[in-house]
Amino acid sequence: MKAIVTAARGSHLKPLTHTLNKHLIPLANRPIIFYVLDHISSSGIKDIGVVINENDTEIPSILGDGSRFGANITYIKQRGGTLGLGHVVKTAKEFLADEKFILYLGDNLLVTNLRSLIQRFEQSNANCMLALVKIPNPQRFGVPEFNGSKIIRVEERPIHPKSEYAVTGLYFYDSMAHTAADRIKPSQRGDYEISDIHTWLAQNGYNVDWVEVDGWWKDRSNPKDLLDGNKLILSIREAKSKKISQPQINKGVFIEPSVRIEGMVEIGQGSRIGGKTLIRGPVSIGEYCMIKDSYIGPYASIGNKTEVHGGSIEHSIIFDDVSISTGSKIVDSIIGSGSTISDKDFDMPKGNKIIVGENSNLAI
């Protein structure tokens, strides 16, 4: 069985994605797509096709040949732009051949037993199996319509959902998916919708099975979801740690005696922690950081080569090469690479000094 993973650049999560592919946004200091590839590989699937933009060299340079994930990666170029998940299936047809396969969105986090789901699909006579979750407002996802317990249609982003279920970013198919992909037409958005593949199968006599996943799922399409994902990963690491009261400190880290560290704290090599600093986990601090006279609280991730002087940070994602020197507490925030945040009271003339690109969000 093979897997295909989406990694083409999209327009969601601006301004973060102006210069960064959203699949590479770090959660607990690892790109989102790393967790997807780990999940697939640990389930037993080792042959993975990663679908990328036609001229993308960034994703292949970071993921490599897949050996770091215990898998083999083949890069599949999606020509003509990102034209929907149905187009992803069409693009991957040669790689997949006639084998059963899974499609896993590279910007999704799904905490469930993938191996058992694969076994269920392989042992069934289903042509397609959808992993569903019940959520309060499924309007921005594919939503299945049922006749009894049978899926008869899947509608993409419906105004009036026909059920409480959303289709997650995990799909299971046999080779009939290629026949369906060849039959569907672009939607009003100009995309080949994956929901149309499911509807075509259901309405042409094929078996569209479903399973309600009992784990945690988030589609990384907005800042709150990113923060929730970061919190989840740090919580999992904390739960797995046998000695959560002991920091996980790499080589070359310097910590002054005045520093207090509580709970599960990861500190990358070359980082320096000094002054009257309190770090209260779960927290992930990257490599070659400088943190002094600061408070780093639960569910904060601090990227590589970031400096924090006199700062206070909780429940936030800080990218690489960020400089923070403000006494104002930073919470529920995402700060992109190369950003500088300083205390306005120490600048002249005083006032709010802002350089903001398009699609930004500020609260002053």
Protein backbone atom coordinates (compact mmCIF):
# COMPACT_ATOMS: atom_id res chain seq x y z
CA MET A 1 0.00 0.00 0.00
CA LYS A 2 1.22 3.49 -0.84
CA ALA A 3 0.53 6.96 0.52
CA ILE A 4 0.39 10.38 -1.07
CA VAL A 5 0.91 13.52 0.98
CA THR A 6 0.00 17.03 -0.11
CA ALA A 7 2.75 19.63 0.19
CA ALA A 8 1.96 22.18 -2.53
CA ARG A 9 2.08 25.81 -1.46
CA GLY A 10 -1.29 27.42 -0.76
CA SER A 11 -2.55 30.87 0.19
CA HIS A 12 -3.87 30.08 3.68
CA LEU A 13 -2.31 31.47 6.85
CA LYS A 14 -1.01 34.70 5.39
CA PRO A 15 1.15 36.58 6.22
CA LEU A 16 3.12 33.57 7.55
CA THR A 17 2.92 31.83 4.18
CA HIS A 18 4.09 34.75 2.04
CA THR A 19 7.60 33.32 2.26
CA LEU A 20 7.04 29.92 3.89
CA ASN A 21 5.15 26.87 2.69
CA LYS A 22 2.44 26.24 5.32
CA HIS A 23 3.45 22.58 5.56
CA LEU A 24 6.78 23.78 7.00
CA ILE A 25 5.29 25.94 9.76
CA PRO A 26 6.90 24.68 12.99
CA LEU A 27 4.92 23.12 15.81
CA ALA A 28 7.08 22.42 18.86
CA ASN A 29 10.05 23.28 16.62
CA ARG A 30 9.31 20.67 13.91
CA PRO A 31 7.55 21.32 10.59
CA ILE A 32 3.93 20.13 10.51
CA ILE A 33 4.58 17.75 7.62
CA PHE A 34 7.21 15.89 9.68
CA TYR A 35 4.47 14.64 12.01
CA VAL A 36 2.42 13.46 9.03
CA LEU A 37 5.34 11.51 7.56
CA ASP A 38 6.17 9.99 10.97
CA HIS A 39 2.54 8.92 11.36
CA ILE A 40 2.45 7.23 7.95
CA SER A 41 5.80 5.50 8.32
CA SER A 42 5.01 4.21 11.82
CA SER A 43 1.80 2.66 10.43
CA GLY A 44 3.87 0.43 8.14
CA ILE A 45 3.57 2.34 4.86
CA LYS A 46 7.04 3.14 3.54
CA ASP A 47 6.39 4.18 -0.06
CA ILE A 48 5.23 7.81 0.05
CA GLY A 49 4.57 10.24 -2.78
CA VAL A 50 4.81 13.90 -1.80
CA VAL A 51 2.89 16.20 -4.15
CA ILE A 52 4.63 19.55 -4.63
CA ASN A 53 4.41 22.60 -6.89
CA GLU A 54 6.11 22.22 -10.24
CA ASN A 55 9.14 24.39 -9.43
CA ASP A 56 9.41 23.68 -5.72
CA THR A 57 12.94 22.91 -4.52
CA GLU A 58 12.36 23.80 -0.86
CA ILE A 59 10.28 20.78 0.20
CA PRO A 60 12.64 18.20 -1.40
CA SER A 61 15.69 19.89 0.15
CA ILE A 62 14.13 19.68 3.63
CA LEU A 63 12.48 16.25 3.48
CA GLY A 64 15.21 14.55 1.48
CA ASP A 65 14.77 10.97 0.32
CA GLY A 66 12.59 10.04 3.30
CA SER A 67 15.23 8.06 5.19
CA ARG A 68 14.95 10.34 8.23
CA PHE A 69 11.35 9.12 8.52
CA GLY A 70 12.15 5.49 7.81
CA ALA A 71 10.44 5.73 4.42
CA ASN A 72 11.09 6.28 0.72
CA ILE A 73 9.81 9.56 -0.72
CA THR A 74 8.98 10.14 -4.39
CA TYR A 75 8.28 13.76 -5.37
CA ILE A 76 5.29 14.28 -7.65
CA LYS A 77 5.07 17.64 -9.40
CA GLN A 78 1.60 19.17 -9.66
CA ARG A 79 1.59 21.15 -12.89
CA GLY A 80 -0.78 24.03 -13.52
CA GLY A 81 -0.99 25.18 -9.92
CA THR A 82 -2.98 23.88 -6.96
CA LEU A 83 -6.26 22.77 -8.51
CA GLY A 84 -7.84 20.87 -5.64
CA LEU A 85 -7.36 17.50 -3.99
CA GLY A 86 -9.11 15.72 -6.84
CA HIS A 87 -6.35 17.02 -9.07
CA VAL A 88 -3.78 15.67 -6.59
CA VAL A 89 -5.22 12.17 -7.13
CA LYS A 90 -5.08 12.66 -10.92
CA THR A 91 -1.48 13.92 -10.68
CA ALA A 92 -0.37 10.91 -8.59
CA LYS A 93 -1.97 8.26 -10.85
CA GLU A 94 1.29 7.03 -12.38
CA PHE A 95 2.98 6.75 -8.96
CA LEU A 96 0.02 4.89 -7.44
CA ALA A 97 -0.68 2.54 -10.36
CA ASP A 98 -3.45 0.09 -9.36
CA GLU A 99 -2.55 -0.17 -5.69
CA LYS A 100 -4.70 0.79 -2.75
CA PHE A 101 -3.49 4.00 -1.18
CA ILE A 102 -4.09 6.66 1.44
CA LEU A 103 -4.22 10.40 0.85
CA TYR A 104 -3.02 12.39 3.86
CA LEU A 105 -3.05 16.19 3.89
CA GLY A 106 0.41 17.43 4.82
CA ASP A 107 -0.85 20.28 6.98
CA ASN A 108 -3.17 18.18 9.17
CA LEU A 109 -2.57 16.70 12.60
CA LEU A 110 -4.43 13.49 13.33
CA VAL A 111 -3.81 11.56 16.53
CA THR A 112 -5.34 8.14 15.96
CA ASN A 113 -4.28 4.54 15.34
CA LEU A 114 -3.53 4.74 11.63
CA ARG A 115 -2.33 1.14 11.41
CA SER A 116 -5.72 -0.17 12.60
CA LEU A 117 -7.57 2.07 10.11
CA ILE A 118 -5.40 0.73 7.28
CA GLN A 119 -6.12 -2.85 8.34
CA ARG A 120 -9.84 -2.14 8.44
CA PHE A 121 -9.80 -0.74 4.92
CA GLU A 122 -7.65 -3.55 3.50
CA GLN A 123 -9.94 -6.21 4.99
CA SER A 124 -13.11 -4.54 3.73
CA ASN A 125 -14.67 -4.54 0.26
CA ALA A 126 -14.81 -0.73 0.25
CA ASN A 127 -13.61 1.29 -2.71
CA CYS A 128 -13.16 4.31 -0.47
CA MET A 129 -13.13 4.90 3.29
CA LEU A 130 -13.45 8.33 4.86
CA ALA A 131 -12.23 9.25 8.33
CA LEU A 132 -14.92 11.44 9.90
CA VAL A 133 -15.14 13.56 13.03
CA LYS A 134 -18.22 15.11 14.58
CA ILE A 135 -17.77 18.86 15.07
CA PRO A 136 -20.14 21.75 15.86
CA ASN A 137 -19.59 23.72 12.62
CA PRO A 138 -18.46 21.54 9.70
CA GLN A 139 -19.27 24.14 7.03
CA ARG A 140 -15.67 24.71 5.96
CA PHE A 141 -15.01 21.03 5.26
CA GLY A 142 -16.43 18.24 3.15
CA VAL A 143 -19.65 17.08 4.83
CA PRO A 144 -21.21 13.66 4.16
CA GLU A 145 -24.92 13.14 3.58
CA PHE A 146 -26.34 9.85 4.83
CA ASN A 147 -29.22 7.56 4.00
CA GLY A 148 -29.37 5.61 7.22
CA SER A 149 -25.73 4.73 7.85
CA LYS A 150 -24.74 4.84 4.17
CA ILE A 151 -22.96 7.81 2.61
CA ILE A 152 -24.84 8.89 -0.51
CA ARG A 153 -23.10 12.20 -1.16
CA VAL A 154 -20.32 14.46 0.11
CA GLU A 155 -20.75 18.20 -0.25
CA GLU A 156 -17.77 20.53 -0.17
CA ARG A 157 -18.13 23.50 2.19
CA PRO A 158 -21.94 23.45 2.36
CA ILE A 159 -23.93 26.43 3.61
CA HIS A 160 -26.44 24.04 5.19
CA PRO A 161 -24.59 20.85 6.23
CA LYS A 162 -26.57 17.62 5.92
CA SER A 163 -24.82 16.06 8.93
CA GLU A 164 -22.64 16.93 11.92
CA TYR A 165 -19.61 15.18 10.44
CA ALA A 166 -16.57 16.64 8.71
CA VAL A 167 -14.24 14.66 6.48
CA THR A 168 -10.75 14.82 7.96
CA GLY A 169 -7.55 15.12 5.98
CA LEU A 170 -7.16 11.34 5.75
CA TYR A 171 -8.68 9.26 2.92
CA PHE A 172 -8.43 5.60 1.86
CA TYR A 173 -8.93 4.43 -1.75
CA ASP A 174 -8.61 1.59 -4.18
CA SER A 175 -7.89 2.12 -7.88
CA MET A 176 -11.49 3.19 -8.61
CA ALA A 177 -10.48 6.62 -7.29
CA HIS A 178 -8.67 7.19 -10.60
CA THR A 179 -11.79 6.38 -12.59
CA ALA A 180 -13.78 8.81 -10.44
CA ALA A 181 -11.08 11.50 -10.75
CA ASP A 182 -11.32 11.24 -14.55
CA ARG A 183 -15.11 11.69 -14.44
CA ILE A 184 -15.41 14.81 -12.27
CA LYS A 185 -15.31 18.38 -13.55
CA PRO A 186 -13.92 21.54 -11.92
CA SER A 187 -16.17 23.19 -9.36
CA GLN A 188 -17.23 26.84 -9.36
CA ARG A 189 -13.96 27.53 -7.53
CA GLY A 190 -12.08 26.04 -10.47
CA ASP A 191 -10.88 23.09 -8.38
CA TYR A 192 -11.27 19.35 -8.82
CA GLU A 193 -12.95 18.70 -5.46
CA ILE A 194 -12.13 15.54 -3.55
CA SER A 195 -15.74 15.56 -2.35
CA ASP A 196 -16.87 15.12 -5.97
CA ILE A 197 -14.79 11.93 -6.20
CA HIS A 198 -16.58 10.57 -3.14
CA THR A 199 -19.99 11.58 -4.48
CA TRP A 200 -19.28 10.01 -7.88
CA LEU A 201 -18.29 6.73 -6.24
CA ALA A 202 -21.32 6.72 -3.95
CA GLN A 203 -23.75 7.49 -6.76
CA ASN A 204 -22.33 5.01 -9.25
CA GLY A 205 -22.66 1.83 -7.24
CA TYR A 206 -19.33 1.82 -5.41
CA ASN A 207 -18.85 1.30 -1.69
CA VAL A 208 -17.93 4.45 0.24
CA ASP A 209 -17.28 3.28 3.79
CA TRP A 210 -16.61 5.55 6.76
CA VAL A 211 -15.20 5.44 10.25
CA GLU A 212 -15.48 7.96 13.04
CA VAL A 213 -11.96 8.60 14.32
CA ASP A 214 -11.65 8.67 18.07
CA GLY A 215 -8.44 10.67 18.24
CA TRP A 216 -7.60 14.35 17.95
CA TRP A 217 -7.76 16.12 14.60
CA LYS A 218 -7.02 19.64 13.49
CA ASP A 219 -6.83 21.16 10.05
CA ARG A 220 -4.09 23.78 10.23
CA SER A 221 -6.01 26.50 8.46
CA ASN A 222 -6.02 29.30 11.01
CA PRO A 223 -3.79 30.65 13.80
CA LYS A 224 -5.89 29.17 16.61
CA ASP A 225 -5.54 25.69 15.11
CA LEU A 226 -1.76 26.16 14.92
CA LEU A 227 -1.62 27.10 18.60
CA ASP A 228 -3.84 24.14 19.49
CA GLY A 229 -1.56 21.84 17.51
CA ASN A 230 1.54 23.22 19.19
CA LYS A 231 -0.08 22.70 22.60
CA LEU A 232 -1.10 19.15 21.70
CA ILE A 233 2.39 18.12 20.63
CA LEU A 234 4.01 19.60 23.72
CA SER A 235 1.39 17.87 25.90
CA ILE A 236 2.12 14.51 24.21
CA ARG A 237 5.84 14.95 24.76
CA GLU A 238 5.18 15.83 28.38
CA ALA A 239 3.01 12.75 28.87
CA LYS A 240 5.61 10.47 27.28
CA SER A 241 8.46 11.87 29.30
CA LYS A 242 9.38 9.56 32.15
CA LYS A 243 10.90 12.39 34.13
CA ILE A 244 8.85 15.45 33.39
CA SER A 245 10.53 17.30 36.24
CA GLN A 246 13.87 17.06 34.44
CA PRO A 247 14.69 19.30 31.47
CA GLN A 248 15.84 17.67 28.23
CA ILE A 249 19.01 19.62 27.60
CA ASN A 250 21.25 19.05 24.59
CA LYS A 251 25.01 19.43 24.43
CA GLY A 252 26.57 22.86 24.58
CA VAL A 253 23.71 24.45 26.54
CA PHE A 254 24.70 26.95 29.23
CA ILE A 255 22.30 27.61 32.10
CA GLU A 256 23.19 30.00 34.89
CA PRO A 257 22.49 28.91 38.50
CA SER A 258 19.92 31.70 38.87
CA VAL A 259 17.65 30.07 36.26
CA ARG A 260 14.62 28.01 37.39
CA ILE A 261 13.29 25.24 35.17
CA GLU A 262 10.07 23.42 35.98
CA GLY A 263 8.37 20.58 34.14
CA MET A 264 9.10 19.17 30.67
CA VAL A 265 11.49 21.59 28.96
CA GLU A 266 13.49 20.89 25.79
CA ILE A 267 16.52 23.08 25.10
CA GLY A 268 18.47 22.82 21.84
CA GLN A 269 22.23 22.79 21.56
CA GLY A 270 24.17 26.01 21.90
CA SER A 271 21.40 27.89 23.72
CA ARG A 272 22.19 30.12 26.69
CA ILE A 273 19.75 30.78 29.54
CA GLY A 274 20.66 33.36 32.15
CA GLY A 275 19.61 35.96 34.70
CA LYS A 276 16.40 35.67 36.68
CA THR A 277 14.68 33.42 34.19
CA LEU A 278 11.83 31.00 34.87
CA ILE A 279 10.94 28.36 32.29
CA ARG A 280 7.80 26.40 33.13
CA GLY A 281 7.00 23.52 30.80
CA PRO A 282 5.92 22.03 28.64
CA VAL A 283 8.20 24.25 26.55
CA SER A 284 10.42 23.70 23.51
CA ILE A 285 13.42 26.00 22.98
CA GLY A 286 15.45 25.69 19.80
CA GLU A 287 19.17 25.84 19.10
CA TYR A 288 21.49 28.80 19.74
CA CYS A 289 18.88 30.87 21.57
CA MET A 290 19.64 33.54 24.16
CA ILE A 291 17.09 33.96 26.95
CA LYS A 292 17.76 36.29 29.87
CA ASP A 293 15.65 37.71 32.71
CA SER A 294 12.52 36.25 31.15
CA TYR A 295 9.55 34.02 31.79
CA ILE A 296 8.79 31.28 29.26
CA GLY A 297 5.53 29.63 30.26
CA PRO A 298 3.56 26.51 29.29
CA TYR A 299 2.91 25.65 25.64
CA ALA A 300 5.49 28.05 24.24
CA SER A 301 7.81 27.07 21.39
CA ILE A 302 10.88 29.23 20.81
CA GLY A 303 12.60 28.84 17.44
CA ASN A 304 16.32 28.63 16.67
CA LYS A 305 18.58 31.67 17.12
CA THR A 306 15.88 33.63 18.93
CA GLU A 307 16.69 36.13 21.68
CA VAL A 308 14.36 37.03 24.54
CA HIS A 309 15.45 39.74 26.99
CA GLY A 310 13.10 40.68 29.82
CA GLY A 311 10.21 38.97 28.07
CA SER A 312 7.20 36.97 29.19
CA ILE A 313 5.75 34.40 26.77
CA GLU A 314 3.03 31.75 27.10
CA HIS A 315 1.02 29.57 24.70
CA SER A 316 2.74 30.97 21.61
CA ILE A 317 4.79 29.91 18.61
CA ILE A 318 7.94 31.94 18.01
CA PHE A 319 9.76 31.23 14.75
CA ASP A 320 13.53 31.40 14.12
CA ASP A 321 15.69 34.53 14.36
CA VAL A 322 13.21 36.56 16.42
CA SER A 323 14.24 39.29 18.86
CA ILE A 324 11.93 40.04 21.80
CA SER A 325 12.74 42.73 24.36
CA THR A 326 9.51 43.92 25.90
CA GLY A 327 7.99 43.64 29.34
CA SER A 328 4.51 43.27 27.85
CA LYS A 329 3.32 39.69 28.16
CA ILE A 330 2.96 37.78 24.90
CA VAL A 331 0.18 35.14 24.86
CA ASP A 332 -1.74 33.21 22.19
CA SER A 333 0.59 34.64 19.55
CA ILE A 334 2.44 33.51 16.44
CA ILE A 335 5.55 35.51 15.54
CA GLY A 336 7.19 34.90 12.18
CA SER A 337 10.89 34.54 11.39
CA GLY A 338 13.11 37.59 11.62
CA SER A 339 10.57 39.65 13.58
CA THR A 340 11.57 42.19 16.23
CA ILE A 341 9.34 43.11 19.17
CA SER A 342 10.57 45.83 21.49
CA ASP A 343 9.19 47.99 24.30
CA LYS A 344 7.85 51.25 22.86
CA ASP A 345 8.60 53.08 26.13
CA PHE A 346 12.32 52.84 25.39
CA ASP A 347 12.05 54.22 21.85
CA MET A 348 12.00 57.87 20.86
CA PRO A 349 9.70 59.33 19.78
CA LYS A 350 7.23 57.29 21.80
CA GLY A 351 4.31 55.63 20.08
CA ASN A 352 3.23 52.45 18.32
CA LYS A 353 5.72 51.75 15.52
CA ILE A 354 4.29 49.21 13.11
CA ILE A 355 5.44 47.67 9.84
CA VAL A 356 2.60 45.47 8.66
CA GLY A 357 2.20 43.47 5.46
CA GLU A 358 -1.05 42.38 3.89
CA ASN A 359 -3.40 39.98 5.72
CA SER A 360 -1.87 40.79 9.11
CA ASN A 361 -3.78 40.84 12.40
CA LEU A 362 -2.92 43.27 15.22
CA ALA A 363 -4.40 44.00 18.65
CA ILE A 364 -2.92 47.14 20.25
